[in-house]
Amino acid sequence: MSRGGRAAAAARDCDSRHYLRVTVGSPSDIGSITIILGRNGVGVARAAAVWARSDSKKHQVRVLTHACSRKAVEASCRDIAELGIGKSKSVILRVAD
């Protein structure tokens, strides 16, 4: 693996905060999402449920995590998808500190 490839892999695996957005059918799904995050070792710094402004029923749960691995966040998103509460693909962004 090249030096750049190793550096990129190390950057992906280092602990950092993450922003997570999940489109859900009900804002009350925030509880299930935070439980799944906790089971995967992802600490929640802030979480909010956002109601849809239209009849689309595309509510959102937005989460800012404490520093954790990307793998733990991705595992949580897989678990959320398996539970069936996510209505579309989750958005995961690493937060630069």
C-alpha atoms as a PDB file:
ATOM      1  CA  MET A   1       0.000   0.000   0.000  1.00  0.00           C
ATOM      2  CA  SER A   2       1.314   3.454  -0.833  1.00  0.00           C
ATOM      3  CA  ARG A   3       2.043   6.076   1.808  1.00  0.00           C
ATOM      4  CA  GLY A   4      -1.014   8.043   0.720  1.00  0.00           C
ATOM      5  CA  GLY A   5      -3.190   4.934   0.934  1.00  0.00           C
ATOM      6  CA  ARG A   6      -1.975   4.148   4.450  1.00  0.00           C
ATOM      7  CA  ALA A   7      -2.562   7.732   5.559  1.00  0.00           C
ATOM      8  CA  ALA A   8      -6.092   7.711   4.127  1.00  0.00           C
ATOM      9  CA  ALA A   9      -6.869   4.378   5.819  1.00  0.00           C
ATOM     10  CA  ALA A  10      -5.506   5.664   9.139  1.00  0.00           C
ATOM     11  CA  ALA A  11      -7.592   8.834   8.842  1.00  0.00           C
ATOM     12  CA  ARG A  12     -10.759   6.779   8.279  1.00  0.00           C
ATOM     13  CA  ASP A  13     -10.050   4.571  11.302  1.00  0.00           C
ATOM     14  CA  CYS A  14      -9.112   7.300  13.798  1.00  0.00           C
ATOM     15  CA  ASP A  15     -11.648   8.353  16.384  1.00  0.00           C
ATOM     16  CA  SER A  16     -13.526  11.545  15.632  1.00  0.00           C
ATOM     17  CA  ARG A  17     -16.954  13.047  16.140  1.00  0.00           C
ATOM     18  CA  HIS A  18     -19.605  12.284  13.531  1.00  0.00           C
ATOM     19  CA  TYR A  19     -22.805  13.894  12.311  1.00  0.00           C
ATOM     20  CA  LEU A  20     -25.524  11.387  11.482  1.00  0.00           C
ATOM     21  CA  ARG A  21     -28.847  12.116   9.761  1.00  0.00           C
ATOM     22  CA  VAL A  22     -31.540   9.463   9.407  1.00  0.00           C
ATOM     23  CA  THR A  23     -34.864   9.990   7.630  1.00  0.00           C
ATOM     24  CA  VAL A  24     -37.564   8.238   9.675  1.00  0.00           C
ATOM     25  CA  GLY A  25     -41.316   7.692   9.592  1.00  0.00           C
ATOM     26  CA  SER A  26     -41.818   9.017  13.126  1.00  0.00           C
ATOM     27  CA  PRO A  27     -39.758  11.462  15.198  1.00  0.00           C
ATOM     28  CA  SER A  28     -40.168   9.102  18.167  1.00  0.00           C
ATOM     29  CA  ASP A  29     -37.695   6.771  16.408  1.00  0.00           C
ATOM     30  CA  ILE A  30     -34.986   8.893  18.049  1.00  0.00           C
ATOM     31  CA  GLY A  31     -35.129   6.538  21.046  1.00  0.00           C
ATOM     32  CA  SER A  32     -34.447   3.409  18.997  1.00  0.00           C
ATOM     33  CA  ILE A  33     -31.634   5.134  17.131  1.00  0.00           C
ATOM     34  CA  THR A  34     -29.840   6.310  20.270  1.00  0.00           C
ATOM     35  CA  ILE A  35     -30.179   2.829  21.821  1.00  0.00           C
ATOM     36  CA  ILE A  36     -28.589   1.252  18.729  1.00  0.00           C
ATOM     37  CA  LEU A  37     -25.764   3.803  18.793  1.00  0.00           C
ATOM     38  CA  GLY A  38     -25.102   3.046  22.458  1.00  0.00           C
ATOM     39  CA  ARG A  39     -25.028  -0.710  21.857  1.00  0.00           C
ATOM     40  CA  ASN A  40     -22.341  -0.163  19.238  1.00  0.00           C
ATOM     41  CA  GLY A  41     -20.219   1.974  21.564  1.00  0.00           C
ATOM     42  CA  VAL A  42     -21.151   5.309  19.993  1.00  0.00           C
ATOM     43  CA  GLY A  43     -21.688   8.065  22.554  1.00  0.00           C
ATOM     44  CA  VAL A  44     -24.341  10.654  21.723  1.00  0.00           C
ATOM     45  CA  ALA A  45     -23.328  14.265  22.365  1.00  0.00           C
ATOM     46  CA  ARG A  46     -26.551  15.765  20.947  1.00  0.00           C
ATOM     47  CA  ALA A  47     -29.648  14.389  19.273  1.00  0.00           C
ATOM     48  CA  ALA A  48     -32.720  16.053  17.803  1.00  0.00           C
ATOM     49  CA  ALA A  49     -35.871  14.895  16.069  1.00  0.00           C
ATOM     50  CA  VAL A  50     -37.018  17.215  13.282  1.00  0.00           C
ATOM     51  CA  TRP A  51     -40.623  17.089  12.073  1.00  0.00           C
ATOM     52  CA  ALA A  52     -41.310  17.273   8.335  1.00  0.00           C
ATOM     53  CA  ARG A  53     -42.881  20.545   7.220  1.00  0.00           C
ATOM     54  CA  SER A  54     -45.054  18.848   4.619  1.00  0.00           C
ATOM     55  CA  ASP A  55     -47.210  15.758   4.419  1.00  0.00           C
ATOM     56  CA  SER A  56     -44.210  13.799   3.108  1.00  0.00           C
ATOM     57  CA  LYS A  57     -43.717  12.148   6.515  1.00  0.00           C
ATOM     58  CA  LYS A  58     -39.960  12.418   5.971  1.00  0.00           C
ATOM     59  CA  HIS A  59     -39.000  13.310   9.518  1.00  0.00           C
ATOM     60  CA  GLN A  60     -35.339  13.379  10.470  1.00  0.00           C
ATOM     61  CA  VAL A  61     -33.282  12.337  13.439  1.00  0.00           C
ATOM     62  CA  ARG A  62     -29.990  14.232  13.644  1.00  0.00           C
ATOM     63  CA  VAL A  63     -27.198  13.094  15.928  1.00  0.00           C
ATOM     64  CA  LEU A  64     -23.783  14.482  16.835  1.00  0.00           C
ATOM     65  CA  THR A  65     -21.609  11.798  18.396  1.00  0.00           C
ATOM     66  CA  HIS A  66     -18.707  11.922  20.790  1.00  0.00           C
ATOM     67  CA  ALA A  67     -15.369  10.807  19.332  1.00  0.00           C
ATOM     68  CA  CYS A  68     -15.674   7.235  18.082  1.00  0.00           C
ATOM     69  CA  SER A  69     -14.563   5.051  15.193  1.00  0.00           C
ATOM     70  CA  ARG A  70     -16.185   5.297  11.775  1.00  0.00           C
ATOM     71  CA  LYS A  71     -16.669   1.519  11.871  1.00  0.00           C
ATOM     72  CA  ALA A  72     -18.879   1.802  14.970  1.00  0.00           C
ATOM     73  CA  VAL A  73     -21.033   4.471  13.306  1.00  0.00           C
ATOM     74  CA  GLU A  74     -21.341   2.409  10.112  1.00  0.00           C
ATOM     75  CA  ALA A  75     -22.283  -0.686  12.150  1.00  0.00           C
ATOM     76  CA  SER A  76     -24.979   1.388  13.864  1.00  0.00           C
ATOM     77  CA  CYS A  77     -26.351   2.535  10.505  1.00  0.00           C
ATOM     78  CA  ARG A  78     -26.531  -1.088   9.329  1.00  0.00           C
ATOM     79  CA  ASP A  79     -28.447  -2.005  12.498  1.00  0.00           C
ATOM     80  CA  ILE A  80     -30.827   0.938  11.990  1.00  0.00           C
ATOM     81  CA  ALA A  81     -31.445  -0.173   8.398  1.00  0.00           C
ATOM     82  CA  GLU A  82     -32.090  -3.763   9.537  1.00  0.00           C
ATOM     83  CA  LEU A  83     -34.609  -2.509  12.081  1.00  0.00           C
ATOM     84  CA  GLY A  84     -36.476  -0.830   9.234  1.00  0.00           C
ATOM     85  CA  ILE A  85     -36.928   2.623  10.767  1.00  0.00           C
ATOM     86  CA  GLY A  86     -34.661   4.419   8.302  1.00  0.00           C
ATOM     87  CA  LYS A  87     -36.652   5.524   5.234  1.00  0.00           C
ATOM     88  CA  SER A  88     -33.598   6.257   3.092  1.00  0.00           C
ATOM     89  CA  LYS A  89     -29.833   5.872   3.281  1.00  0.00           C
ATOM     90  CA  SER A  90     -28.341   7.502   6.376  1.00  0.00           C
ATOM     91  CA  VAL A  91     -25.932  10.412   6.005  1.00  0.00           C
ATOM     92  CA  ILE A  92     -22.652  10.131   7.939  1.00  0.00           C
ATOM     93  CA  LEU A  93     -20.191  13.016   8.049  1.00  0.00           C
ATOM     94  CA  ARG A  94     -16.973  13.121  10.038  1.00  0.00           C
ATOM     95  CA  VAL A  95     -16.616  16.339  12.019  1.00  0.00           C
ATOM     96  CA  ALA A  96     -13.249  18.060  11.711  1.00  0.00           C
ATOM     97  CA  ASP A  97     -12.104  19.482  15.025  1.00  0.00           C
END
